[in-house]
Amino acid sequence: MAAQCVSLLVGPTISGRLIDTSGSYQGAFIFDGSSILLGGVVMAIGNLYNKIATKRSNLAETWKGTEENRH
């Protein structure tokens, strides 16, 4: 949530500065598109990490349960 708040504050400021500096909207569009793409990549990596961690946790619980049944 904090990352979203930061991006909402910083994004328009940087885009406005790019427009004022270059006189064109192209830089702002490229910046905005790349920030959206970067956010998607970060979320995909987080989702992948979460799936791997959940599988490891489930596997550890299954392994622990089979060892307890042996004793």
Protein backbone atom coordinates (compact mmCIF):
# COMPACT_ATOMS: atom_id res chain seq x y z
CA MET A 1 0.00 0.00 0.00
CA ALA A 2 2.85 2.38 0.78
CA ALA A 3 4.43 1.72 -2.62
CA GLN A 4 1.16 2.63 -4.29
CA CYS A 5 0.95 5.89 -2.34
CA VAL A 6 4.51 6.80 -3.27
CA SER A 7 3.87 6.09 -6.94
CA LEU A 8 0.71 8.20 -6.88
CA LEU A 9 2.68 11.13 -5.49
CA VAL A 10 5.84 10.76 -7.57
CA GLY A 11 4.38 9.64 -10.92
CA PRO A 12 2.50 12.80 -11.91
CA THR A 13 5.35 14.99 -10.67
CA ILE A 14 7.94 13.23 -12.82
CA SER A 15 5.58 13.08 -15.79
CA GLY A 16 4.88 16.81 -15.51
CA ARG A 17 8.58 17.57 -15.30
CA LEU A 18 9.23 15.46 -18.41
CA ILE A 19 6.49 17.29 -20.30
CA ASP A 20 7.77 20.70 -19.21
CA THR A 21 11.37 19.85 -20.06
CA SER A 22 10.84 18.24 -23.46
CA GLY A 23 7.65 19.97 -24.57
CA SER A 24 6.30 16.59 -25.64
CA TYR A 25 4.12 13.99 -24.00
CA GLN A 26 6.19 11.09 -25.34
CA GLY A 27 8.58 10.99 -22.36
CA ALA A 28 5.67 11.02 -19.92
CA PHE A 29 3.95 8.18 -21.76
CA ILE A 30 7.14 6.12 -21.79
CA PHE A 31 7.74 6.77 -18.09
CA ASP A 32 4.15 5.92 -17.16
CA GLY A 33 4.11 2.76 -19.25
CA SER A 34 7.43 1.55 -17.90
CA SER A 35 6.35 2.18 -14.31
CA ILE A 36 3.18 0.13 -14.90
CA LEU A 37 5.28 -2.63 -16.46
CA LEU A 38 7.72 -2.56 -13.55
CA GLY A 39 4.83 -2.80 -11.07
CA GLY A 40 3.46 -5.83 -12.91
CA VAL A 41 6.85 -7.54 -12.85
CA VAL A 42 7.24 -6.89 -9.13
CA MET A 43 3.77 -8.28 -8.44
CA ALA A 44 4.46 -11.37 -10.59
CA ILE A 45 7.71 -12.03 -8.74
CA GLY A 46 5.92 -11.62 -5.41
CA ASN A 47 3.18 -14.00 -6.51
CA LEU A 48 5.74 -16.58 -7.65
CA TYR A 49 7.65 -16.26 -4.37
CA ASN A 50 4.41 -16.72 -2.41
CA LYS A 51 3.52 -19.88 -4.36
CA ILE A 52 6.97 -21.38 -3.81
CA ALA A 53 6.89 -20.54 -0.08
CA THR A 54 3.41 -22.08 0.27
CA LYS A 55 4.50 -25.27 -1.49
CA ARG A 56 7.58 -25.55 0.75
CA SER A 57 5.48 -25.00 3.85
CA ASN A 58 2.92 -27.61 2.79
CA LEU A 59 5.69 -30.05 1.93
CA ALA A 60 7.35 -29.51 5.32
CA GLU A 61 4.04 -30.07 7.13
CA THR A 62 3.41 -33.25 5.12
CA TRP A 63 6.91 -34.51 5.86
CA LYS A 64 6.52 -33.72 9.56
CA GLY A 65 3.18 -35.54 9.66
CA THR A 66 4.62 -38.69 8.06
CA GLU A 67 7.52 -38.76 10.55
CA GLU A 68 5.14 -38.46 13.50
CA ASN A 69 3.11 -41.40 12.18
CA ARG A 70 6.24 -43.57 12.02
CA HIS A 71 7.03 -43.24 15.75
